[in-house]
Amino acid sequence: MLNEPMDTLPLQPDATQEEPAAAASPEGNITVFPVATEPDQGERLPGLALAYVFAVFLAGLVSLAVFAPKLDTTDMGGFVVLALLAVAFGRTRVPIYGDTSVSIGMVGDFAIAFLYGPAGAVIVSPFAAIATDLGVGAWYKRLFNVGSFIVVNVVVAYVIQSLVGIVGPGLAVNGWLIPIALGGVVVYYLLNISLVTFAVGLSTKTSLLEVWREKFEWLLPHYVVFGLLGLALALGYQGIGYFGILAFAAPPLMMRFSMKQYVDKTAENVDELKKRNRSLQEANREVLGMADQLRETYDGTLEALVSALDARDRETKGHSIRVAKYMMEIAYYMGIQPGTEEWVDMQRGGLLHDIGKIGVSDSILHKPGPLTDDEWVDMKRHPKIGHDMIKEIGFLSGAAVLIMAHHERFDGKGYPNGLATDDIPIGSRIFVLADTFDAMTSDRPYRAALSVDASREEMISCSGTQFDPQCVQAFLLAFDKIVEIRFAEREEPSEFHAAAAPRQAAA
């Protein structure tokens, strides 16, 4: 039957023991009655929930005492056959959603309600409840199931009897039977879900509306179909006797068989998909691990290359790595997310910004004094040389864009293309700040290093001309960390710099 027993409500999170029949048995219905457990004390229920269980069971016993003596015994053969059929139907549960299952037991319930009224329903219901559980589950679950089965079926049968006006072989066949059956379905649905939802709410302190939406909202169409089939079964028996039972019992049995085949096949497909998904997740983790290792290799190789390039210029030892670190501190305050493609491109572009100086002669690169105009023309070639060197390397193509524009100015007076404002890539706008600060705080043959305070004031004064004002604001936010990096006694990664950043983001 579609009555919702308490043998499948999930245990509360602190439960320490399992109840396989309750949690996994296909005979389980919508939910298992939740319990709290303590070591060596077994299952226990909140006091209100336990009182509620006894109240429902007591209501069932009272109903049994009141209505059972009123059974019309003139057609005991038909009653016994339909009772056995109702109990058997109750054993036809098919899991269809999580720990939710449906059965065709309601077909037998409604047939008995139409033909034998509350007296028939009250006698059959305990057997149906016991057959459903077959002794599994905690004692209070079985008590609740017996009580709730009786209460729901008796109330529905009483409503149907009141509307029909007569019960038994004299059932009048007319157009009112269908709306009466639908009315019985509504009562069945509302009372059934109310009993179980209230039990779940008491046991788990969950909102009743939340429980209903998760577990029961979608069940009404099943109730409607099975309720009408129950009416058909009753009319079939009244019309042609036992052959009518066989004729009208076949469709719900075939429906159950088809549902089970469909659900079983779907479950197989879902299990297969879950296995494949687990395999894909494992493969994805391996790929991510390899990608992290590859990224570390890339960054380590690049930093080694940059160190070799810096060694060529004795005056700027460590310059490229420091600038890359400054850049990423500023980029963080510009809202660039660590670990993104844009972030990594900036980091690599900062490291490799001077790679184009390979194409500049040593006489110009190491000249102790100012450069001539011709020498400046030659020096200004290095951004394009660097860009052309790495633009065709897949993982460095983004860095190449930064390198091409790393000497552009916000006011358009830079080189090689005279770009201005937002036409300059954001990484290049950040780079200009980082590069200028490192240059100003470093000794040169033609001048001594400026103090960090003087360098900061110079950066502020050039905001809006040489530098992007937004980048200057981010530079000021990162200033203390940048100064710490500038004067560190040994090379250490900054918080947001280089290879550490993508791994930090992935974590």
Protein backbone atom coordinates (compact mmCIF):
# COMPACT_ATOMS: atom_id res chain seq x y z
CA MET A 1 0.00 0.00 0.00
CA LEU A 2 1.03 3.60 -0.36
CA ASN A 3 0.68 4.30 3.32
CA GLU A 4 3.95 5.86 4.54
CA PRO A 5 5.31 3.68 7.40
CA MET A 6 8.16 4.81 9.57
CA ASP A 7 10.63 2.15 8.60
CA THR A 8 12.76 4.25 6.28
CA LEU A 9 13.39 7.59 8.03
CA PRO A 10 17.16 8.30 8.15
CA LEU A 11 18.97 8.00 11.43
CA GLN A 12 20.09 11.24 12.96
CA PRO A 13 23.70 12.21 12.13
CA ASP A 14 25.07 10.95 15.44
CA ALA A 15 23.66 7.46 15.01
CA THR A 16 26.24 4.79 15.61
CA GLN A 17 24.41 1.65 14.60
CA GLU A 18 22.92 0.53 11.34
CA GLU A 19 19.58 -1.04 10.62
CA PRO A 20 19.96 -2.56 7.15
CA ALA A 21 16.33 -3.45 6.65
CA ALA A 22 15.27 0.07 7.49
CA ALA A 23 17.88 1.91 5.52
CA ALA A 24 18.21 -0.21 2.43
CA SER A 25 15.40 -2.73 2.19
CA PRO A 26 13.22 -2.37 -0.91
CA GLU A 27 10.27 -3.01 1.38
CA GLY A 28 10.89 0.35 3.04
CA ASN A 29 8.58 3.22 2.17
CA ILE A 30 8.99 6.94 2.18
CA THR A 31 11.13 7.37 5.29
CA VAL A 32 12.68 5.64 8.31
CA PHE A 33 11.69 6.84 11.76
CA PRO A 34 14.71 8.91 12.95
CA VAL A 35 16.38 8.02 16.21
CA ALA A 36 19.18 9.32 18.38
CA THR A 37 21.65 6.84 19.78
CA GLU A 38 24.06 6.81 22.65
CA PRO A 39 26.87 4.28 23.17
CA ASP A 40 25.53 0.97 24.45
CA GLN A 41 22.04 2.38 24.87
CA GLY A 42 20.57 1.52 21.47
CA GLU A 43 17.99 3.63 19.71
CA ARG A 44 15.91 6.20 21.48
CA LEU A 45 13.30 8.75 20.44
CA PRO A 46 12.60 12.22 21.72
CA GLY A 47 9.87 12.08 24.35
CA LEU A 48 7.26 13.87 22.25
CA ALA A 49 7.92 11.60 19.27
CA LEU A 50 7.54 8.48 21.39
CA ALA A 51 4.31 9.80 22.90
CA TYR A 52 3.06 10.49 19.39
CA VAL A 53 3.82 6.90 18.32
CA PHE A 54 1.78 5.53 21.23
CA ALA A 55 -1.06 7.96 20.48
CA VAL A 56 -1.28 6.82 16.84
CA PHE A 57 -1.13 3.16 17.85
CA LEU A 58 -3.82 3.70 20.49
CA ALA A 59 -6.02 5.41 17.92
CA GLY A 60 -5.63 2.32 15.74
CA LEU A 61 -6.61 -0.01 18.59
CA VAL A 62 -9.68 2.08 19.41
CA SER A 63 -10.69 2.03 15.75
CA LEU A 64 -10.26 -1.74 15.68
CA ALA A 65 -12.44 -2.17 18.75
CA VAL A 66 -15.14 0.14 17.42
CA PHE A 67 -15.46 -0.99 13.80
CA ALA A 68 -14.32 -4.64 13.62
CA PRO A 69 -17.52 -6.07 15.19
CA LYS A 70 -19.58 -4.33 12.49
CA LEU A 71 -18.18 -6.40 9.60
CA ASP A 72 -20.88 -7.84 7.32
CA THR A 73 -20.10 -11.57 7.20
CA THR A 74 -22.47 -12.43 4.34
CA ASP A 75 -19.63 -12.37 1.80
CA MET A 76 -16.66 -13.68 3.76
CA GLY A 77 -15.20 -15.46 0.73
CA GLY A 78 -14.83 -12.26 -1.27
CA PHE A 79 -13.59 -10.37 1.77
CA VAL A 80 -10.84 -12.92 2.46
CA VAL A 81 -9.70 -12.94 -1.18
CA LEU A 82 -9.58 -9.14 -1.37
CA ALA A 83 -7.89 -8.97 2.05
CA LEU A 84 -5.17 -11.37 0.91
CA LEU A 85 -4.82 -9.40 -2.30
CA ALA A 86 -4.49 -6.11 -0.37
CA VAL A 87 -1.78 -7.63 1.86
CA ALA A 88 0.03 -9.03 -1.19
CA PHE A 89 -0.24 -5.69 -2.97
CA GLY A 90 1.39 -4.09 0.05
CA ARG A 91 4.48 -6.21 -0.58
CA THR A 92 4.96 -4.77 -4.06
CA ARG A 93 7.12 -1.81 -3.13
CA VAL A 94 9.37 -0.31 -5.80
CA PRO A 95 12.12 2.18 -4.80
CA ILE A 96 11.79 5.19 -7.07
CA TYR A 97 13.51 8.15 -5.38
CA GLY A 98 16.33 7.92 -2.86
CA ASP A 99 14.86 5.96 0.07
CA THR A 100 11.33 6.55 -1.26
CA SER A 101 9.23 3.72 -2.66
CA VAL A 102 5.67 3.17 -3.84
CA SER A 103 3.47 0.10 -3.91
CA ILE A 104 0.10 -0.82 -5.36
CA GLY A 105 -1.25 -1.65 -1.91
CA MET A 106 -3.64 1.31 -2.10
CA VAL A 107 -5.57 -0.51 -4.86
CA GLY A 108 -6.62 -3.20 -2.39
CA ASP A 109 -7.30 -0.62 0.34
CA PHE A 110 -9.79 1.25 -1.82
CA ALA A 111 -11.51 -1.91 -3.10
CA ILE A 112 -12.13 -3.00 0.50
CA ALA A 113 -13.22 0.53 1.47
CA PHE A 114 -15.89 0.56 -1.25
CA LEU A 115 -17.16 -2.98 -0.62
CA TYR A 116 -16.72 -3.55 3.13
CA GLY A 117 -16.43 -0.06 4.64
CA PRO A 118 -14.56 0.84 7.84
CA ALA A 119 -15.15 -2.61 9.35
CA GLY A 120 -13.34 -4.35 6.50
CA ALA A 121 -10.59 -1.74 6.40
CA VAL A 122 -9.91 -1.92 10.13
CA ILE A 123 -9.48 -5.72 10.03
CA VAL A 124 -7.22 -5.83 6.95
CA SER A 125 -4.97 -2.87 7.86
CA PRO A 126 -3.02 -4.48 10.76
CA PHE A 127 -2.20 -7.51 8.61
CA ALA A 128 -1.08 -5.25 5.77
CA ALA A 129 1.14 -3.25 8.14
CA ILE A 130 2.68 -6.37 9.69
CA ALA A 131 3.22 -7.96 6.29
CA THR A 132 4.94 -4.81 5.10
CA ASP A 133 7.42 -4.85 7.97
CA LEU A 134 7.74 -8.63 8.45
CA GLY A 135 9.17 -7.97 11.89
CA VAL A 136 12.07 -5.77 10.81
CA GLY A 137 12.85 -2.39 12.31
CA ALA A 138 12.52 -1.03 15.82
CA TRP A 139 9.43 -1.87 17.83
CA TYR A 140 8.11 1.68 17.83
CA LYS A 141 8.27 1.75 14.04
CA ARG A 142 6.04 -1.30 13.84
CA LEU A 143 3.64 0.19 16.39
CA PHE A 144 3.38 3.37 14.40
CA ASN A 145 2.89 1.54 11.10
CA VAL A 146 0.06 -0.58 12.49
CA GLY A 147 -1.66 2.42 14.04
CA SER A 148 -1.25 4.71 11.03
CA PHE A 149 -2.39 2.05 8.53
CA ILE A 150 -5.55 1.46 10.56
CA VAL A 151 -6.34 5.16 11.10
CA VAL A 152 -5.81 6.18 7.47
CA ASN A 153 -7.74 3.29 5.93
CA VAL A 154 -10.63 3.50 8.40
CA VAL A 155 -11.07 7.25 7.93
CA VAL A 156 -10.97 6.89 4.13
CA ALA A 157 -13.44 3.98 4.21
CA TYR A 158 -15.76 5.94 6.51
CA VAL A 159 -15.70 8.94 4.15
CA ILE A 160 -16.41 6.71 1.14
CA GLN A 161 -19.22 4.87 2.95
CA SER A 162 -20.79 8.18 3.98
CA LEU A 163 -20.70 9.49 0.41
CA VAL A 164 -21.84 6.28 -1.28
CA GLY A 165 -24.59 5.61 1.25
CA ILE A 166 -24.35 1.84 0.97
CA VAL A 167 -21.51 -0.66 1.23
CA GLY A 168 -21.23 -4.17 -0.22
CA PRO A 169 -22.72 -5.98 -3.18
CA GLY A 170 -25.46 -3.38 -3.44
CA LEU A 171 -22.92 -0.70 -4.55
CA ALA A 172 -24.71 1.40 -7.15
CA VAL A 173 -22.73 1.98 -10.34
CA ASN A 174 -23.09 5.62 -11.36
CA GLY A 175 -21.07 8.66 -12.34
CA TRP A 176 -20.67 9.77 -8.74
CA LEU A 177 -18.31 6.91 -7.89
CA ILE A 178 -15.35 8.54 -9.62
CA PRO A 179 -15.57 11.88 -7.77
CA ILE A 180 -16.19 9.94 -4.54
CA ALA A 181 -13.05 7.90 -5.20
CA LEU A 182 -11.10 11.11 -5.89
CA GLY A 183 -12.42 12.57 -2.65
CA GLY A 184 -11.23 9.47 -0.84
CA VAL A 185 -7.82 9.88 -2.50
CA VAL A 186 -7.52 13.45 -1.20
CA VAL A 187 -8.40 12.33 2.33
CA TYR A 188 -5.96 9.39 2.05
CA TYR A 189 -3.17 11.69 0.86
CA LEU A 190 -3.70 14.44 3.43
CA LEU A 191 -4.11 12.14 6.44
CA ASN A 192 -1.33 9.78 5.41
CA ILE A 193 1.33 12.45 4.84
CA SER A 194 0.18 14.41 7.91
CA LEU A 195 0.76 11.47 10.23
CA VAL A 196 4.24 10.69 8.91
CA THR A 197 5.32 14.31 8.35
CA PHE A 198 4.39 15.18 11.92
CA ALA A 199 6.38 12.18 13.15
CA VAL A 200 9.42 13.25 11.16
CA GLY A 201 9.09 16.80 12.43
CA LEU A 202 8.96 15.68 16.06
CA SER A 203 11.88 13.30 15.65
CA THR A 204 14.24 15.53 13.66
CA LYS A 205 12.96 19.01 14.59
CA THR A 206 12.62 19.67 10.87
CA SER A 207 10.06 22.07 9.39
CA LEU A 208 6.89 20.19 8.44
CA LEU A 209 6.70 22.09 5.15
CA GLU A 210 10.29 21.16 4.36
CA VAL A 211 9.61 17.48 5.04
CA TRP A 212 6.49 17.55 2.88
CA ARG A 213 8.26 19.21 -0.03
CA GLU A 214 11.18 16.80 0.06
CA LYS A 215 9.30 13.54 0.63
CA PHE A 216 5.64 13.77 -0.29
CA GLU A 217 4.83 16.68 -2.60
CA TRP A 218 5.12 14.63 -5.77
CA LEU A 219 3.12 11.56 -4.59
CA LEU A 220 -0.45 12.72 -5.28
CA PRO A 221 -0.59 11.47 -8.93
CA HIS A 222 0.27 7.95 -7.69
CA TYR A 223 -2.55 8.13 -5.15
CA VAL A 224 -5.04 9.23 -7.81
CA VAL A 225 -4.18 6.37 -10.19
CA PHE A 226 -4.20 3.68 -7.51
CA GLY A 227 -7.39 4.98 -5.92
CA LEU A 228 -9.27 4.76 -9.25
CA LEU A 229 -7.85 1.27 -9.84
CA GLY A 230 -9.17 0.29 -6.40
CA LEU A 231 -12.64 1.45 -7.44
CA ALA A 232 -12.35 -0.56 -10.66
CA LEU A 233 -11.34 -3.67 -8.69
CA ALA A 234 -14.38 -3.28 -6.42
CA LEU A 235 -16.75 -2.87 -9.38
CA GLY A 236 -15.12 -5.83 -11.17
CA TYR A 237 -15.73 -8.10 -8.19
CA GLN A 238 -19.29 -6.87 -7.78
CA GLY A 239 -20.00 -7.36 -11.48
CA ILE A 240 -18.43 -10.75 -12.28
CA GLY A 241 -17.20 -12.11 -8.99
CA TYR A 242 -13.77 -13.70 -8.61
CA PHE A 243 -13.06 -13.43 -12.32
CA GLY A 244 -13.50 -9.68 -11.88
CA ILE A 245 -10.81 -9.69 -9.20
CA LEU A 246 -8.43 -11.51 -11.58
CA ALA A 247 -9.28 -9.18 -14.44
CA PHE A 248 -8.82 -5.95 -12.49
CA ALA A 249 -5.91 -7.13 -10.36
CA ALA A 250 -3.84 -7.80 -13.48
CA PRO A 251 -3.40 -4.14 -14.58
CA PRO A 252 -1.93 -2.89 -11.27
CA LEU A 253 0.28 -5.98 -11.05
CA MET A 254 1.55 -5.37 -14.58
CA MET A 255 2.01 -1.70 -13.70
CA ARG A 256 4.10 -2.68 -10.73
CA PHE A 257 6.09 -5.13 -12.82
CA SER A 258 6.74 -2.47 -15.47
CA MET A 259 7.70 0.10 -12.86
CA LYS A 260 10.12 -2.32 -11.25
CA GLN A 261 11.73 -3.16 -14.59
CA TYR A 262 12.05 0.52 -15.42
CA VAL A 263 13.40 1.47 -11.99
CA ASP A 264 15.82 -1.48 -11.92
CA LYS A 265 17.13 -0.57 -15.35
CA THR A 266 17.38 3.07 -14.36
CA ALA A 267 19.20 2.09 -11.17
CA GLU A 268 21.68 0.06 -13.22
CA ASN A 269 22.28 3.04 -15.49
CA VAL A 270 22.65 5.37 -12.51
CA ASP A 271 25.12 3.00 -10.84
CA GLU A 272 27.09 2.80 -14.06
CA LEU A 273 27.07 6.58 -14.36
CA LYS A 274 28.22 6.90 -10.75
CA LYS A 275 31.09 4.49 -11.42
CA ARG A 276 32.10 6.42 -14.50
CA ASN A 277 31.78 9.68 -12.63
CA ARG A 278 34.05 8.38 -9.88
CA SER A 279 36.54 7.30 -12.52
CA LEU A 280 36.36 10.71 -14.16
CA GLN A 281 36.83 12.43 -10.81
CA GLU A 282 39.87 10.29 -10.10
CA ALA A 283 41.26 11.01 -13.56
CA ASN A 284 40.53 14.69 -13.06
CA ARG A 285 42.43 14.70 -9.77
CA GLU A 286 45.37 13.04 -11.49
CA VAL A 287 45.25 15.56 -14.32
CA LEU A 288 45.09 18.45 -11.85
CA GLY A 289 48.02 16.99 -9.96
CA MET A 290 50.01 16.67 -13.16
CA ALA A 291 49.00 20.20 -14.14
CA ASP A 292 50.25 21.50 -10.79
CA GLN A 293 53.54 19.67 -11.26
CA LEU A 294 53.82 20.98 -14.80
CA ARG A 295 53.07 24.51 -13.61
CA GLU A 296 55.76 24.21 -10.96
CA THR A 297 58.17 22.99 -13.61
CA TYR A 298 57.26 25.86 -15.93
CA ASP A 299 57.65 28.47 -13.20
CA GLY A 300 60.88 26.98 -11.90
CA THR A 301 62.33 26.84 -15.40
CA LEU A 302 61.26 30.41 -16.12
CA GLU A 303 62.74 31.74 -12.90
CA ALA A 304 66.02 29.93 -13.61
CA LEU A 305 66.06 31.45 -17.10
CA VAL A 306 65.29 34.90 -15.73
CA SER A 307 68.03 34.60 -13.14
CA ALA A 308 70.46 33.81 -15.95
CA LEU A 309 69.25 36.83 -17.91
CA ASP A 310 69.56 39.09 -14.88
CA ALA A 311 73.10 37.86 -14.33
CA ARG A 312 73.94 39.37 -17.70
CA ASP A 313 73.15 42.79 -16.24
CA ARG A 314 75.18 43.03 -13.05
CA GLU A 315 73.34 46.16 -11.94
CA THR A 316 69.89 44.54 -11.92
CA LYS A 317 70.49 41.18 -10.27
CA GLY A 318 67.17 39.72 -9.04
CA HIS A 319 65.25 42.57 -10.65
CA SER A 320 62.84 40.47 -12.77
CA ILE A 321 61.82 38.12 -9.97
CA ARG A 322 61.26 41.02 -7.56
CA VAL A 323 59.18 42.89 -10.12
CA ALA A 324 57.03 39.82 -10.73
CA LYS A 325 56.42 39.57 -7.00
CA TYR A 326 55.48 43.25 -6.73
CA MET A 327 53.14 42.82 -9.66
CA MET A 328 51.17 40.01 -8.10
CA GLU A 329 50.77 41.92 -4.83
CA ILE A 330 49.34 44.86 -6.79
CA ALA A 331 47.25 42.55 -9.00
CA TYR A 332 45.64 41.07 -5.91
CA TYR A 333 44.39 44.48 -4.83
CA MET A 334 43.23 45.15 -8.40
CA GLY A 335 40.83 42.22 -8.00
CA ILE A 336 42.70 39.73 -10.18
CA GLN A 337 41.88 36.28 -8.80
CA PRO A 338 44.90 34.15 -7.84
CA GLY A 339 45.32 31.09 -10.00
CA THR A 340 43.31 32.36 -12.98
CA GLU A 341 44.74 32.38 -16.49
CA GLU A 342 45.03 36.17 -16.37
CA TRP A 343 46.93 35.93 -13.08
CA VAL A 344 49.42 33.36 -14.37
CA ASP A 345 49.96 35.33 -17.61
CA MET A 346 50.83 38.40 -15.54
CA GLN A 347 53.21 36.49 -13.35
CA ARG A 348 55.05 34.98 -16.32
CA GLY A 349 55.05 38.25 -18.23
CA GLY A 350 56.59 39.99 -15.23
CA LEU A 351 59.32 37.37 -15.03
CA LEU A 352 60.12 37.51 -18.74
CA HIS A 353 59.61 41.23 -19.40
CA ASP A 354 63.28 41.84 -20.23
CA ILE A 355 63.86 38.71 -22.31
CA GLY A 356 63.99 40.86 -25.43
CA LYS A 357 67.22 42.46 -24.19
CA ILE A 358 68.92 39.37 -25.54
CA GLY A 359 68.72 41.22 -28.84
CA VAL A 360 70.33 44.38 -27.45
CA SER A 361 74.12 44.68 -27.64
CA ASP A 362 76.16 44.62 -24.44
CA SER A 363 77.68 47.97 -25.26
CA ILE A 364 74.26 49.58 -25.00
CA LEU A 365 72.99 47.45 -22.16
CA HIS A 366 76.06 48.09 -19.96
CA LYS A 367 76.75 51.69 -20.97
CA PRO A 368 77.52 53.63 -17.75
CA GLY A 369 76.13 56.94 -19.02
CA PRO A 370 73.07 58.20 -20.87
CA LEU A 371 72.22 56.60 -24.22
CA THR A 372 72.38 58.47 -27.51
CA ASP A 373 69.27 58.83 -29.66
CA ASP A 374 70.38 55.97 -31.91
CA GLU A 375 71.10 53.79 -28.92
CA TRP A 376 67.65 54.56 -27.52
CA VAL A 377 66.11 53.47 -30.79
CA ASP A 378 67.95 50.19 -30.51
CA MET A 379 67.01 49.79 -26.81
CA LYS A 380 63.34 50.41 -27.56
CA ARG A 381 63.28 47.36 -29.80
CA HIS A 382 63.46 44.96 -26.84
CA PRO A 383 59.68 44.79 -26.07
CA LYS A 384 58.93 43.63 -29.62
CA ILE A 385 61.93 41.30 -29.66
CA GLY A 386 60.72 39.69 -26.42
CA HIS A 387 57.14 39.48 -27.73
CA ASP A 388 58.20 37.82 -30.96
CA MET A 389 60.43 35.36 -29.13
CA ILE A 390 57.65 33.82 -27.04
CA LYS A 391 54.34 34.62 -28.78
CA GLU A 392 54.23 31.22 -30.52
CA ILE A 393 54.85 29.30 -27.28
CA GLY A 394 51.40 28.20 -26.15
CA PHE A 395 51.68 28.67 -22.40
CA LEU A 396 53.52 31.99 -22.84
CA SER A 397 51.29 33.63 -25.46
CA GLY A 398 49.41 35.63 -22.79
CA ALA A 399 52.68 36.77 -21.25
CA ALA A 400 53.84 37.94 -24.69
CA VAL A 401 51.03 40.52 -24.80
CA LEU A 402 52.22 42.03 -21.50
CA ILE A 403 55.82 42.06 -22.67
CA MET A 404 54.92 43.94 -25.86
CA ALA A 405 53.32 46.77 -23.84
CA HIS A 406 55.45 46.83 -20.70
CA HIS A 407 56.96 50.25 -21.52
CA GLU A 408 53.71 51.97 -22.51
CA ARG A 409 52.53 54.91 -20.39
CA PHE A 410 49.03 55.77 -19.21
CA ASP A 411 49.22 59.16 -20.98
CA GLY A 412 50.25 57.56 -24.31
CA LYS A 413 53.88 58.75 -24.27
CA GLY A 414 55.42 55.29 -23.91
CA TYR A 415 56.76 52.85 -26.49
CA PRO A 416 56.72 50.92 -28.81
CA ASN A 417 53.13 51.74 -29.90
CA GLY A 418 52.15 54.80 -27.88
CA LEU A 419 49.12 53.10 -26.30
CA ALA A 420 47.15 54.99 -23.65
CA THR A 421 44.72 54.35 -20.77
CA ASP A 422 42.61 51.21 -21.19
CA ASP A 423 44.23 50.31 -24.51
CA ILE A 424 47.21 49.17 -22.46
CA PRO A 425 46.72 45.63 -21.09
CA ILE A 426 46.03 45.68 -17.36
CA GLY A 427 49.09 43.52 -16.70
CA SER A 428 51.32 46.03 -18.46
CA ARG A 429 49.80 48.93 -16.49
CA ILE A 430 50.58 47.08 -13.26
CA PHE A 431 54.05 46.17 -14.48
CA VAL A 432 55.06 49.81 -15.11
CA LEU A 433 54.49 50.60 -11.44
CA ALA A 434 56.36 47.56 -10.18
CA ASP A 435 59.28 48.07 -12.58
CA THR A 436 59.60 51.78 -11.81
CA PHE A 437 59.56 51.23 -8.05
CA ASP A 438 62.32 48.61 -8.27
CA ALA A 439 64.40 50.82 -10.54
CA MET A 440 64.04 53.87 -8.27
CA THR A 441 65.03 51.91 -5.16
CA SER A 442 68.10 50.38 -6.87
CA ASP A 443 71.54 51.93 -7.31
CA ARG A 444 72.54 52.86 -10.85
CA PRO A 445 75.93 54.03 -12.18
CA TYR A 446 74.48 57.45 -12.86
CA ARG A 447 72.56 57.88 -9.54
CA ALA A 448 72.05 56.49 -6.06
CA ALA A 449 68.90 54.61 -5.03
CA LEU A 450 65.95 56.65 -3.78
CA SER A 451 64.37 55.92 -0.43
CA VAL A 452 61.12 53.97 -0.39
CA ASP A 453 59.24 57.04 0.84
CA ALA A 454 60.63 59.22 -1.92
CA SER A 455 59.82 56.50 -4.46
CA ARG A 456 56.25 56.26 -3.19
CA GLU A 457 55.75 60.02 -3.47
CA GLU A 458 57.12 59.94 -7.01
CA MET A 459 54.65 57.20 -7.93
CA ILE A 460 51.79 59.23 -6.51
CA SER A 461 52.88 62.37 -8.35
CA CYS A 462 52.92 60.46 -11.66
CA SER A 463 49.42 59.03 -11.17
CA GLY A 464 47.33 59.81 -14.24
CA THR A 465 50.36 60.53 -16.44
CA GLN A 466 52.86 57.69 -16.39
CA PHE A 467 50.70 55.40 -14.23
CA ASP A 468 47.08 54.25 -14.13
CA PRO A 469 45.50 55.92 -11.02
CA GLN A 470 43.68 52.70 -10.09
CA CYS A 471 46.92 50.76 -10.21
CA VAL A 472 48.55 53.43 -8.02
CA GLN A 473 45.83 52.95 -5.41
CA ALA A 474 46.42 49.19 -5.45
CA PHE A 475 50.17 49.81 -5.20
CA LEU A 476 49.65 51.90 -2.07
CA LEU A 477 47.53 49.15 -0.51
CA ALA A 478 50.27 46.60 -1.20
CA PHE A 479 53.12 49.02 -0.37
CA ASP A 480 54.24 47.54 2.96
CA LYS A 481 54.46 44.04 1.49
CA ILE A 482 56.29 45.33 -1.59
CA VAL A 483 58.88 47.07 0.62
CA GLU A 484 59.31 43.84 2.59
CA ILE A 485 59.97 41.94 -0.65
CA ARG A 486 62.36 44.64 -1.90
CA PHE A 487 64.65 44.40 1.07
CA ALA A 488 64.32 40.72 1.92
CA GLU A 489 67.71 39.21 2.76
CA ARG A 490 66.91 36.01 0.86
CA GLU A 491 64.51 34.99 -1.87
CA GLU A 492 61.13 33.97 -0.50
CA PRO A 493 57.83 33.74 -2.38
CA SER A 494 55.38 36.52 -1.62
CA GLU A 495 51.88 35.60 -0.53
CA PHE A 496 50.37 35.90 -3.99
CA HIS A 497 53.39 35.38 -6.18
CA ALA A 498 54.27 32.92 -8.86
CA ALA A 499 53.79 29.17 -8.63
CA ALA A 500 52.39 29.31 -5.09
CA ALA A 501 49.38 31.33 -6.17
CA PRO A 502 47.66 28.80 -8.47
CA ARG A 503 48.10 26.07 -5.89
CA GLN A 504 46.74 28.37 -3.21
CA ALA A 505 43.68 29.07 -5.33
CA ALA A 506 43.16 25.38 -6.12
CA ALA A 507 43.24 24.51 -2.41
